[in-house]
Protein backbone atom coordinates (compact mmCIF):
# COMPACT_ATOMS: atom_id res chain seq x y z
CA GLY A 1 0.00 0.00 0.00
CA GLN A 2 3.04 2.39 -0.22
CA TRP A 3 3.48 3.02 -3.92
CA HIS A 4 2.33 1.90 -7.35
CA LYS A 5 4.23 2.12 -10.58
CA ASN A 6 1.33 3.99 -12.22
CA PHE A 7 1.57 6.96 -9.79
CA ALA A 8 2.05 10.19 -11.78
CA TYR A 9 3.66 12.29 -8.98
CA SER A 10 6.68 14.24 -10.22
CA ASP A 11 9.39 16.71 -9.20
CA GLN A 12 11.84 18.99 -10.95
CA TYR A 13 13.94 16.02 -12.08
CA PHE A 14 11.59 13.15 -12.93
CA ASP A 15 8.02 12.91 -14.17
CA SER A 16 7.15 9.82 -12.13
CA GLY A 17 8.52 7.28 -9.74
CA GLN A 18 8.69 4.76 -12.59
CA ASP A 19 11.08 7.17 -14.37
CA VAL A 20 13.35 7.00 -11.29
CA LEU A 21 13.41 3.21 -11.49
CA ASP A 22 14.02 3.27 -15.25
CA TYR A 23 16.92 5.69 -14.74
CA GLY A 24 18.45 3.34 -12.15
CA VAL A 25 18.32 0.50 -14.66
CA SER A 26 19.77 2.51 -17.53
CA ALA A 27 22.48 4.32 -15.54
CA TYR A 28 23.53 1.69 -13.01
CA GLY A 29 21.89 -1.56 -14.07
CA TYR A 30 19.99 -1.59 -10.79
CA HIS A 31 16.41 -2.92 -10.77
CA GLY A 32 14.81 -1.15 -7.84
CA ASN A 33 11.36 -1.17 -6.27
CA TYR A 34 9.29 1.31 -4.30
CA ASP A 35 12.07 1.55 -1.66
CA HIS A 36 14.27 3.03 -4.37
CA VAL A 37 11.66 5.74 -5.02
CA VAL A 38 11.35 6.51 -1.30
CA SER A 39 15.14 6.69 -0.87
CA TYR A 40 15.30 9.18 -3.71
CA ALA A 41 12.49 11.32 -2.29
CA ILE A 42 13.79 11.64 1.30
CA PRO A 43 16.84 13.92 0.64
CA LEU A 44 14.67 16.24 -1.44
CA LEU A 45 12.10 16.25 1.34
CA PHE A 46 14.68 17.37 3.93
CA SER A 47 16.00 19.95 1.51
CA GLN A 48 12.54 21.46 1.14
CA HIS A 49 12.02 21.40 4.91
CA ILE A 50 15.27 23.27 5.59
CA LYS A 51 14.36 25.85 2.99
CA SER A 52 10.95 26.30 4.55
CA PHE A 53 12.41 26.65 8.07
CA PHE A 54 14.79 29.49 7.12
CA ARG A 55 12.62 31.19 4.49
CA ILE A 56 11.89 34.33 6.61
CA GLN A 57 15.47 34.80 7.87
CA ASN A 58 17.75 37.18 6.02
CA THR A 59 20.96 35.66 7.39
CA PRO A 60 20.10 32.11 8.43
CA ASP A 61 22.59 30.37 10.73
CA VAL A 62 22.13 26.79 9.49
CA VAL A 63 25.02 25.33 11.49
CA GLY A 64 23.92 27.04 14.67
CA ALA A 65 20.34 25.95 14.15
CA PHE A 66 21.34 22.28 13.89
CA GLU A 67 23.48 22.67 17.05
CA ASN A 68 21.13 24.77 19.19
CA ASN A 69 17.64 24.48 17.66
CA TYR A 70 17.54 20.86 16.43
CA GLU A 71 14.39 20.00 18.39
CA GLU A 72 12.63 23.09 17.01
CA MET A 73 13.58 22.06 13.49
CA ARG A 74 12.30 18.54 14.08
CA ARG A 75 8.96 19.78 15.43
CA ALA A 76 8.61 22.06 12.41
CA LEU A 77 8.03 18.90 10.36
CA LEU A 78 4.49 18.84 11.84
CA VAL A 79 3.56 21.82 9.70
CA LEU A 80 5.38 20.69 6.61
CA ARG A 81 3.25 20.37 3.49
CA THR A 82 5.16 19.52 0.32
CA GLU A 83 4.99 17.62 -2.93
CA THR A 84 7.46 14.84 -3.75
CA ILE A 85 7.79 12.20 -6.41
CA PHE A 86 6.42 9.81 -3.80
CA GLY A 87 3.33 11.99 -3.50
CA PRO A 88 2.18 14.70 -1.07
CA VAL A 89 3.92 14.56 2.32
CA SER A 90 2.58 15.85 5.65
CA PHE A 91 2.75 14.41 9.18
CA ASN A 92 -0.05 13.99 11.71
CA GLU A 93 0.14 14.06 15.50
CA ASP A 94 1.41 10.48 15.45
CA GLN A 95 4.27 11.57 13.18
CA ARG A 96 2.98 9.45 10.35
CA ASN A 97 2.79 10.55 6.72
CA ALA A 98 -0.80 11.53 6.01
CA GLY A 99 -0.15 13.43 2.76
CA ARG A 100 -1.98 10.98 0.56
CA GLY A 101 -3.99 7.79 0.77
CA ALA A 102 -2.47 4.35 0.52
CA ALA A 103 -1.81 2.81 -2.85
CA GLY A 104 -4.60 0.36 -3.49
CA MET A 105 -4.26 -2.44 -6.02
CA GLN A 106 -6.83 -4.81 -7.37
CA TRP A 107 -7.05 -7.41 -10.08
CA ILE A 108 -9.32 -5.72 -12.57
CA PRO A 109 -10.39 -6.44 -16.16
CA SER A 110 -7.81 -4.99 -18.49
CA SER A 111 -10.61 -3.30 -20.43
CA SER A 112 -11.46 -1.12 -17.41
CA SER A 113 -7.93 0.33 -17.12
CA GLU A 114 -7.68 3.73 -18.77
CA LYS A 115 -3.90 3.58 -18.82
CA HIS A 116 -3.94 0.12 -20.35
CA ILE A 117 -6.28 1.24 -23.10
CA GLN A 118 -4.13 4.31 -23.73
CA LEU A 119 -0.91 2.32 -23.89
CA PHE A 120 -2.51 -0.28 -26.10
CA GLU A 121 -3.81 2.36 -28.48
CA ASN A 122 -0.44 4.14 -28.59
CA GLU A 123 1.28 0.81 -29.13
CA LEU A 124 3.64 1.56 -26.28
CA SER A 125 3.24 -1.82 -24.72
CA GLU A 126 5.35 -4.77 -25.73
CA ALA A 127 3.65 -7.61 -27.52
CA GLY A 128 1.85 -9.80 -25.11
CA ASP A 129 2.14 -7.47 -22.08
CA TYR A 130 -1.57 -6.83 -21.98
CA ASP A 131 -2.97 -9.92 -23.54
CA ASP A 132 -4.26 -11.16 -20.17
CA PRO A 133 -7.91 -10.39 -19.44
CA PHE A 134 -6.94 -9.10 -15.96
CA ILE A 135 -4.24 -6.72 -14.72
CA LEU A 136 -3.10 -5.67 -11.25
CA GLY A 137 -4.41 -2.09 -11.52
CA CYS A 138 -4.15 0.95 -9.23
CA VAL A 139 -7.52 1.86 -7.72
CA SER A 140 -6.44 4.35 -5.00
CA PRO A 141 -5.75 7.08 -4.06
CA TYR A 142 -8.53 8.49 -6.14
CA GLU A 143 -6.48 11.12 -7.99
CA GLN A 144 -3.99 8.44 -9.14
CA ALA A 145 -6.43 5.57 -9.80
CA GLU A 146 -6.49 4.14 -13.28
CA ALA A 147 -9.80 2.38 -12.73
CA ALA A 148 -12.63 2.27 -10.23
CA THR A 149 -12.65 -0.31 -7.45
CA ILE A 150 -14.71 -3.37 -8.36
CA VAL A 151 -17.07 -4.63 -5.67
CA PRO A 152 -17.20 -7.46 -5.03
CA ALA A 153 -13.50 -7.76 -5.74
CA ALA A 154 -12.27 -10.30 -8.25
CA SER A 155 -10.38 -12.73 -6.08
CA ALA A 156 -8.85 -16.13 -6.51
CA LEU A 157 -10.18 -19.25 -4.88
CA ASP A 158 -8.24 -20.74 -1.99
CA CYS A 159 -5.63 -23.25 -3.04
CA SER A 160 -6.73 -26.86 -2.78
CA PRO A 161 -5.14 -29.28 -0.28
CA GLY A 162 -1.66 -30.21 -1.40
CA MET A 163 -1.11 -26.75 -2.97
CA PHE A 164 0.07 -23.31 -1.88
CA THR A 165 -0.11 -19.73 -3.13
CA SER A 166 2.89 -19.11 -5.35
CA ILE A 167 4.26 -15.63 -4.77
CA GLU A 168 5.94 -15.82 -8.16
CA LYS A 169 2.59 -16.36 -9.86
CA VAL A 170 1.01 -13.59 -7.81
CA GLN A 171 3.66 -11.15 -8.99
CA ASN A 172 3.95 -12.26 -12.59
CA GLU A 173 0.58 -13.71 -13.52
CA THR A 174 -3.06 -12.80 -13.16
CA ALA A 175 -3.20 -15.37 -10.37
CA LEU A 176 -6.97 -15.67 -10.54
CA LEU A 177 -8.75 -18.85 -9.49
CA GLU A 178 -6.34 -21.85 -9.57
CA SER A 179 -3.69 -20.04 -11.61
CA LYS A 180 -1.91 -18.66 -8.52
CA CYS A 181 -1.53 -22.10 -6.85
CA ASP A 182 1.33 -24.52 -7.15
CA THR A 183 1.83 -28.08 -5.81
CA CYS A 184 3.62 -28.60 -2.53
CA PRO A 185 7.28 -29.61 -3.01
CA LEU A 186 8.78 -32.87 -1.81
CA ASP A 187 8.42 -33.54 1.94
CA THR A 188 5.98 -30.67 2.45
CA PHE A 189 2.20 -30.76 2.71
CA SER A 190 -1.01 -28.75 2.94
CA MET A 191 -4.02 -30.34 4.61
CA SER A 192 -6.83 -27.96 3.67
CA ASN A 193 -7.86 -25.11 1.38
CA SER A 194 -5.67 -22.12 2.13
CA ARG A 195 -3.89 -19.05 0.81
CA ASN A 196 -0.60 -19.83 2.54
CA LEU A 197 2.49 -18.75 0.66
CA GLN A 198 4.27 -22.03 1.41
CA CYS A 199 3.49 -25.58 2.44
CA THR A 200 4.24 -26.99 5.86
CA THR A 201 7.46 -28.97 6.20
CA CYS A 202 7.03 -32.58 7.28
CA PRO A 203 7.94 -33.15 10.95
CA ALA A 204 11.12 -35.03 11.74
CA GLY A 205 10.85 -38.73 11.00
CA SER A 206 8.11 -38.36 8.40
CA THR A 207 8.16 -37.94 4.61
CA THR A 208 5.82 -37.67 1.65
CA GLU A 209 7.29 -40.94 0.33
CA GLY A 210 8.77 -39.25 -2.73
CA GLU A 211 5.48 -37.58 -3.74
CA ILE A 212 4.74 -33.91 -4.39
CA GLY A 213 1.43 -32.20 -3.76
CA SER A 214 0.84 -34.19 -0.56
CA THR A 215 -1.97 -33.45 1.86
CA TYR A 216 -0.17 -35.17 4.75
CA CYS A 217 3.16 -36.69 5.71
CA VAL A 218 3.68 -40.36 6.37
CA GLN A 219 5.48 -41.87 9.33
CA MET A 220 6.00 -45.63 9.34
CA GLU A 221 5.89 -47.69 12.51
CA LEU A 222 7.51 -50.91 11.33
CA ASN A 223 7.46 -52.76 14.67
CA LEU A 224 10.89 -54.20 13.98
CA LEU A 225 12.61 -56.45 16.49
CA SER A 226 14.50 -54.54 19.15
CA PRO A 227 18.27 -55.09 19.20
CA GLY A 228 18.04 -56.30 22.80
CA ILE A 229 15.41 -58.90 21.86
CA LEU A 230 17.59 -60.19 19.03
CA VAL A 231 20.55 -60.46 21.40
CA MET A 232 18.36 -62.47 23.77
CA GLY A 233 17.51 -64.86 20.92
CA TYR A 234 21.19 -65.30 20.06
CA VAL A 235 21.91 -66.00 23.72
CA PHE A 236 19.22 -68.71 23.66
CA VAL A 237 20.86 -70.27 20.60
CA ALA A 238 24.33 -70.09 22.16
CA LEU A 239 23.14 -71.72 25.40
CA SER A 240 21.29 -74.49 23.56
CA TRP A 241 24.32 -75.19 21.38
CA CYS A 242 26.54 -75.26 24.46
CA PHE A 243 24.21 -77.81 26.09
CA SER A 244 24.20 -79.96 22.94
CA LEU A 245 27.98 -79.84 22.49
CA GLY A 246 28.57 -80.31 26.21
CA TYR A 247 26.46 -83.46 26.38
CA PHE A 248 28.10 -84.68 23.15
CA VAL A 249 31.54 -84.31 24.74
CA TRP A 250 30.30 -86.09 27.87
CA ILE A 251 29.05 -89.03 25.75
CA TYR A 252 32.42 -89.65 24.13
CA ARG A 253 34.45 -89.04 27.27
CA ASN A 254 32.41 -91.71 29.07
CA LYS A 255 31.67 -94.06 26.19
CA GLU A 256 33.21 -97.01 28.08
CA HIS A 257 30.81 -96.61 30.99
CA PRO A 258 27.88 -99.07 31.09
CA VAL A 259 25.29 -96.29 31.47
CA VAL A 260 26.56 -94.65 28.28
CA SER A 261 27.17 -97.83 26.27
CA MET A 262 23.78 -99.24 27.25
CA GLY A 263 22.30 -95.82 26.43
CA GLN A 264 23.52 -96.44 22.86
CA ILE A 265 26.04 -93.80 21.89
CA GLU A 266 24.92 -93.49 18.28
CA PHE A 267 21.38 -92.47 19.13
CA LEU A 268 22.38 -90.21 22.01
CA THR A 269 24.64 -88.40 19.55
CA LEU A 270 21.78 -88.02 17.08
CA PHE A 271 19.64 -86.67 19.90
CA CYS A 272 22.23 -83.94 20.59
CA LEU A 273 22.46 -83.18 16.87
CA GLY A 274 18.68 -82.85 16.67
CA THR A 275 18.54 -80.24 19.44
CA PHE A 276 21.45 -78.39 17.80
CA ILE A 277 19.55 -78.16 14.49
CA SER A 278 16.23 -77.33 16.12
CA SER A 279 17.72 -74.45 18.15
CA SER A 280 19.14 -72.94 14.95
CA SER A 281 15.58 -72.04 13.92
CA ILE A 282 15.73 -69.21 16.49
CA ILE A 283 18.25 -67.44 14.22
CA ALA A 284 15.85 -67.70 11.28
CA LEU A 285 13.07 -66.20 13.42
CA GLY A 286 14.95 -62.88 13.34
CA GLY A 287 14.66 -62.38 9.57
CA GLU A 288 13.02 -59.02 8.71
CA ALA A 289 12.66 -56.50 5.88
CA LEU A 290 11.64 -52.85 5.69
CA VAL A 291 8.75 -51.61 3.55
CA SER A 292 10.98 -50.47 0.68
CA GLU A 293 13.46 -53.35 0.92
CA ASP A 294 13.59 -56.56 -1.06
CA ASN A 295 12.05 -59.23 1.16
CA THR A 296 13.78 -62.17 -0.54
CA MET A 297 16.19 -62.82 2.34
CA ALA A 298 13.42 -62.43 4.91
CA SER A 299 11.28 -64.93 2.98
CA ARG A 300 14.16 -67.38 2.92
CA SER A 301 14.47 -67.05 6.68
CA CYS A 302 10.76 -67.84 6.98
CA GLN A 303 11.19 -70.89 4.77
CA ALA A 304 14.16 -72.10 6.83
CA ILE A 305 12.19 -72.13 10.10
CA PRO A 306 10.09 -75.30 9.45
CA PHE A 307 13.09 -77.06 7.88
CA LEU A 308 15.33 -76.46 10.89
CA TYR A 309 12.79 -76.98 13.63
CA SER A 310 10.94 -79.97 12.13
CA CYS A 311 14.08 -81.83 11.05
CA GLY A 312 15.75 -81.20 14.41
CA TRP A 313 12.71 -82.21 16.43
CA VAL A 314 12.08 -85.36 14.36
CA LEU A 315 15.76 -86.32 14.65
CA MET A 316 15.52 -85.98 18.43
CA TYR A 317 12.46 -88.16 18.81
CA SER A 318 13.29 -90.67 16.08
CA SER A 319 16.69 -91.33 17.71
CA LEU A 320 14.87 -92.04 20.99
CA THR A 321 12.42 -94.25 19.08
CA ALA A 322 15.22 -96.24 17.42
CA LYS A 323 17.13 -96.51 20.69
CA SER A 324 14.07 -97.73 22.59
CA TYR A 325 12.99 -100.12 19.86
CA ARG A 326 16.45 -101.63 19.79
CA LEU A 327 16.24 -102.37 23.51
CA PHE A 328 12.68 -103.63 23.14
CA LYS A 329 13.68 -106.00 20.35
CA VAL A 330 16.50 -107.48 22.43
CA LEU A 331 14.20 -108.05 25.36
CA GLN A 332 11.45 -109.52 23.23
CA ASN A 333 13.72 -112.02 21.50
CA SER A 334 15.42 -112.99 24.74
CA ARG A 335 12.34 -113.46 26.88
CA ASN A 336 12.01 -116.75 28.79
CA ARG A 337 15.24 -118.28 27.51
CA ILE A 338 18.96 -117.95 27.89
CA LYS A 339 20.23 -116.58 24.63
CA ARG A 340 22.82 -114.18 23.39
CA VAL A 341 20.98 -111.60 21.25
CA GLU A 342 22.76 -109.18 18.95
CA VAL A 343 20.92 -106.13 17.61
CA ARG A 344 23.17 -103.76 15.71
CA ALA A 345 22.64 -100.01 15.70
CA LYS A 346 22.74 -99.86 11.92
CA ASP A 347 19.71 -102.13 11.87
CA MET A 348 17.76 -99.36 13.59
CA TYR A 349 18.88 -96.46 11.39
CA TYR A 350 15.84 -96.82 9.16
CA ILE A 351 13.68 -95.76 12.14
CA VAL A 352 15.57 -92.45 12.09
CA ALA A 353 15.76 -92.13 8.32
CA VAL A 354 12.12 -92.78 7.45
CA PRO A 355 10.59 -89.94 9.56
CA ILE A 356 13.33 -87.54 8.43
CA LEU A 357 12.74 -88.37 4.76
CA LEU A 358 8.98 -88.08 5.22
CA VAL A 359 9.32 -84.63 6.77
CA LEU A 360 11.72 -83.53 4.04
CA VAL A 361 9.33 -84.67 1.32
CA ILE A 362 6.53 -82.61 2.86
CA LEU A 363 8.74 -79.53 3.32
CA VAL A 364 10.24 -79.71 -0.17
CA ALA A 365 6.77 -80.13 -1.72
CA TRP A 366 5.63 -77.09 0.26
CA GLN A 367 8.66 -75.10 -0.88
CA LEU A 368 8.23 -76.01 -4.55
CA THR A 369 4.47 -75.53 -4.86
CA ASP A 370 3.53 -72.60 -2.61
CA PRO A 371 6.36 -71.55 -0.28
CA ILE A 372 6.18 -69.45 2.85
CA VAL A 373 6.79 -65.76 2.16
CA TYR A 374 7.57 -62.72 4.29
CA GLU A 375 5.22 -59.79 3.95
CA ARG A 376 4.21 -56.68 5.85
CA ARG A 377 0.66 -56.45 7.11
CA GLU A 378 -0.79 -53.04 7.84
CA LEU A 379 -2.22 -52.80 11.34
CA SER A 380 -3.62 -49.27 11.52
CA ARG A 381 -3.63 -45.75 10.04
CA ASP A 382 -3.84 -42.77 12.36
CA LEU A 383 -3.91 -39.21 10.98
CA ASN A 384 -3.02 -36.50 13.48
CA PRO A 385 -5.04 -33.41 12.45
CA ILE A 386 -2.68 -31.10 14.34
CA THR A 387 0.69 -32.25 13.00
CA GLY A 388 -0.63 -33.56 9.67
CA VAL A 389 1.27 -36.83 10.10
CA LEU A 390 -0.33 -40.09 9.00
CA THR A 391 1.14 -42.86 11.13
CA ILE A 392 0.99 -46.24 9.39
CA SER A 393 1.65 -49.13 11.73
CA SER A 394 2.67 -52.42 10.16
CA VAL A 395 4.20 -55.72 11.20
CA GLY A 396 6.31 -58.20 9.26
CA LEU A 397 5.03 -61.78 9.24
CA CYS A 398 5.81 -65.13 7.71
CA THR A 399 2.66 -66.00 5.79
CA ASN A 400 1.20 -68.75 3.62
CA PHE A 401 1.11 -71.49 6.25
CA GLN A 402 -1.12 -73.98 4.48
CA TRP A 403 -2.80 -76.78 6.40
CA LYS A 404 -2.37 -79.23 3.54
CA PHE A 405 1.34 -79.21 4.41
CA LEU A 406 1.26 -78.09 8.02
CA GLY A 407 -1.24 -80.79 8.98
CA PRO A 408 0.92 -83.74 7.81
CA LEU A 409 3.96 -82.21 9.54
CA ILE A 410 2.10 -81.99 12.85
CA ALA A 411 0.80 -85.53 12.33
CA VAL A 412 4.36 -86.87 11.89
CA HIS A 413 5.47 -85.11 15.07
CA VAL A 414 2.55 -86.39 17.13
CA LEU A 415 2.76 -89.92 15.74
CA LEU A 416 6.47 -90.10 16.43
CA ALA A 417 6.00 -88.91 20.01
CA VAL A 418 3.19 -91.41 20.61
CA VAL A 419 5.16 -94.35 19.11
CA THR A 420 8.23 -93.44 21.15
CA ASN A 421 6.26 -93.36 24.39
CA ILE A 422 4.50 -96.69 23.56
CA ILE A 423 7.80 -98.47 22.93
CA LEU A 424 9.31 -97.02 26.07
CA TRP A 425 6.28 -98.21 28.02
CA LYS A 426 6.96 -101.73 26.84
CA VAL A 427 10.49 -101.60 28.29
CA ARG A 428 9.49 -99.82 31.47
CA ASP A 429 10.76 -102.73 33.62
CA VAL A 430 14.32 -101.92 32.62
CA ARG A 431 15.97 -99.64 35.14
CA ASP A 432 15.91 -95.92 34.39
CA ARG A 433 19.64 -95.71 33.88
CA TYR A 434 19.31 -97.77 30.66
CA GLN A 435 16.08 -96.44 29.19
CA GLU A 436 14.22 -93.09 29.17
CA GLN A 437 10.57 -94.04 29.60
CA ARG A 438 9.98 -91.72 32.52
CA VAL A 439 12.04 -88.80 31.25
CA VAL A 440 10.60 -88.97 27.72
CA ALA A 441 7.10 -89.07 29.17
CA MET A 442 8.01 -86.07 31.29
CA ALA A 443 9.53 -84.34 28.24
CA SER A 444 6.37 -85.01 26.20
CA ILE A 445 4.20 -83.55 28.96
CA TYR A 446 6.64 -80.65 29.30
CA ILE A 447 6.45 -79.88 25.55
CA CYS A 448 2.64 -80.12 25.59
CA GLU A 449 2.50 -77.69 28.49
CA LEU A 450 4.77 -75.26 26.64
CA LEU A 451 2.57 -75.45 23.55
CA LEU A 452 -0.65 -75.10 25.53
CA LEU A 453 0.79 -72.03 27.20
CA GLY A 454 2.67 -70.60 24.21
CA VAL A 455 0.09 -70.92 21.41
CA PRO A 456 -2.63 -68.77 23.09
CA ILE A 457 -0.02 -66.20 24.08
CA LEU A 458 1.29 -66.21 20.51
CA PHE A 459 -2.16 -65.40 19.13
CA ALA A 460 -2.60 -62.66 21.73
CA VAL A 461 0.68 -60.90 20.83
CA ARG A 462 0.83 -61.70 17.10
CA ASP A 463 0.85 -57.99 16.19
CA SER A 464 3.93 -57.29 18.33
CA SER A 465 7.18 -58.42 16.73
CA ASP A 466 9.10 -58.40 20.01
CA ALA A 467 6.50 -60.34 21.98
CA ARG A 468 5.96 -62.86 19.18
CA TYR A 469 9.71 -63.46 18.87
CA ILE A 470 10.09 -63.92 22.63
CA VAL A 471 7.31 -66.52 22.71
CA LEU A 472 8.57 -68.51 19.72
CA ALA A 473 12.24 -68.35 20.68
CA GLY A 474 11.36 -69.20 24.28
CA VAL A 475 9.31 -72.26 23.28
CA VAL A 476 12.10 -73.59 21.03
CA PHE A 477 14.79 -72.91 23.62
CA LEU A 478 12.89 -74.44 26.52
CA THR A 479 11.83 -77.44 24.44
CA ASP A 480 15.38 -78.24 23.34
CA THR A 481 17.23 -77.55 26.56
CA GLY A 482 14.48 -79.14 28.65
CA SER A 483 14.53 -82.34 26.60
CA LEU A 484 18.33 -82.46 26.73
CA SER A 485 18.39 -82.01 30.47
CA LEU A 486 15.66 -84.58 31.13
CA VAL A 487 17.53 -87.20 29.10
CA PHE A 488 21.14 -86.53 30.10
CA ILE A 489 21.11 -85.24 33.67
CA PRO A 490 19.82 -88.58 35.08
CA LYS A 491 22.45 -90.44 33.04
CA ILE A 492 25.19 -88.18 34.35
CA MET A 493 24.00 -88.86 37.88
CA TYR A 494 23.95 -92.64 37.27
CA GLN A 495 27.34 -92.46 35.63
CA ARG A 496 28.82 -90.97 38.77
CA GLU A 497 27.64 -93.96 40.82
CA ARG A 498 29.93 -96.95 41.37
CA ALA A 499 29.88 -99.33 38.40
CA GLY A 500 29.90 -103.10 38.60
CA SER A 501 27.57 -105.92 37.68
CA LEU A 502 24.51 -103.76 37.28
CA THR A 503 20.90 -104.91 37.59
CA ILE A 504 18.91 -104.27 34.44
CA PHE A 505 15.34 -104.97 35.62
CA ARG A 506 13.64 -103.24 38.50
CA LYS A 507 11.77 -106.39 39.69
CA LYS A 508 10.68 -109.96 38.92
CA ARG A 509 13.23 -111.17 36.32
CA GLN A 510 16.85 -110.11 36.61
CA MET A 511 18.97 -109.14 33.64
CA ASN A 512 22.61 -108.72 34.57
CA PHE A 513 25.01 -106.68 32.50
CA THR A 514 28.71 -107.14 32.96
CA PRO A 515 30.54 -104.25 31.36
CA VAL A 516 33.35 -105.19 29.03
CA PRO A 517 35.88 -102.50 28.07
CA ARG A 518 35.25 -101.47 24.49
CA LYS A 519 38.93 -101.47 23.75
CA ASN A 520 38.97 -105.25 24.31
CA MET A 521 36.13 -105.82 21.82
CA ASN A 522 36.48 -106.65 18.21
CA PRO A 523 35.37 -103.81 15.92
CA SER A 524 32.34 -105.88 14.90
CA GLU A 525 31.29 -106.27 18.52
CA ARG A 526 31.48 -102.64 19.63
CA ASN A 527 28.10 -101.87 18.16
CA VAL A 528 26.34 -104.83 19.79
CA VAL A 529 24.11 -104.85 22.84
CA THR A 530 24.86 -108.07 24.82
CA LEU A 531 22.32 -109.07 27.41
CA GLU A 532 22.52 -112.09 29.64
CA ILE A 533 19.08 -113.26 30.77
CA ALA A 534 18.89 -115.10 34.08
CA PRO A 535 16.73 -118.30 33.99
CA PRO A 536 13.34 -117.84 35.67
CA GLU A 537 13.79 -120.91 37.91
CA LYS A 538 16.55 -119.21 39.92
CA ASN A 539 15.80 -117.69 43.24
CA LEU A 540 14.80 -114.23 42.13
CA SER A 541 14.64 -112.80 45.61
CA VAL A 542 18.26 -113.67 46.25
CA ILE A 543 19.33 -112.17 42.94
CA GLU A 544 17.35 -109.04 43.67
CA GLU A 545 18.98 -108.69 47.07
CA VAL A 546 22.49 -109.21 45.72
CA SER A 547 21.91 -106.87 42.82
CA ASN A 548 20.67 -104.14 45.12
CA GLU A 549 23.70 -104.58 47.34
CA ILE A 550 25.98 -104.24 44.33
CA GLU A 551 24.23 -101.05 43.28
CA LYS A 552 24.63 -99.62 46.76
CA GLY A 553 28.35 -100.29 46.56
């Protein structure tokens, strides 16, 4: 409202303020604005004021007046009335310039501008300067107006959401309706209709996801696994591996001991290997991918989980099945007669191989036809109307668990556990140091309890990556280490007892085992279980008493 280029105020040097600006361009190459016109007018204004102050003095003392009467000179500005190229100048009681009205501008039809018509007729305008149907015309003060004020005023519509008022378009274009709006740049937004000169910058941690003209910013809550939770999982794996390797070392350091040799080293080793493989699935549970990342590696981690856990678990139980069936077969063939029975470990390997191959066939068929994949599932969208941030919460999951494959896998696991417990029940009369009927039954109950507790919790926390990982990793860890401990800790305790001619049966018939150092055996005999069955007609009570005394040392 200070000045308009169409003002016709003049002085003794220039005809208008626009002439001052044109002179600055031609003489100095300086493109000024209304401040340039004001700066030019101020020295002339003070010059006229000084002349007016001393106009009635014959011998004016200018230097003395500035030194002694400065305040009087300043107050004399209140009565100053003068013409400048900026327009009439006079000051009111508030020391503000009240010489003329403010410069009023309005977008008006070009046909209503007298100056425009005159310039167009005189061909003074450059081609295209006035081709627009509207111009930013001067409508006040009245004596300088080139057109009358239009009421209601021609005004642009507010910019739509995702846009802002472009100051460049306002200055250089008609800027009516949508023509003055521009799209919000990258990582800025505008939520509603407005006339703001710029869009709002996205808050820290949010973006427009590479889009322009956004009406909100996006912040992703990926629910990734916390570093501390991942470390906990790796600790679980390390502990389980240490248990497996520790028991493996114990087996081979005490392989000459009757408890270990009767426990059948080959199958105890496979049991340790099974827990080692099963625990490795905890590492695969930590596979993740961001929204914009390739999820191939995360999908492979998902696909590795059933391979590692199922193969490890089946190897654990099938080794117990083969071990128990070997003992059962010896007892069955030797019942009610004195006979040396040889059952080699390699004869039982098919009991381990068949379940493993069956599980692998199911898993490979699953992998080839419709494999498990990792994908992100959106949980919620929450738009904050104050900050303009749309928070998208998502969670990464392994999906495509199909019952046509999952069902047979579960069936193999359950069937193997049931068969193992049935065989162990048949050899329950053998003392605990040589068979695992009680501990396997306890392990089966223990695993069932973990599943009964873990599965409902898993469904309850399925949308939380940390909680879901803790439950799954905890179930695997407790299953493996619990099974290892239930099988090996009793054997370690028995191994520390004094060895001798050890009683095999708990009651009724006696089966005595006299340990023979493996180093004295032929290589073909080291893999043979040798049982010596006492005839039923002997005095069993005496044998029981002697056997118990031997065990007590």
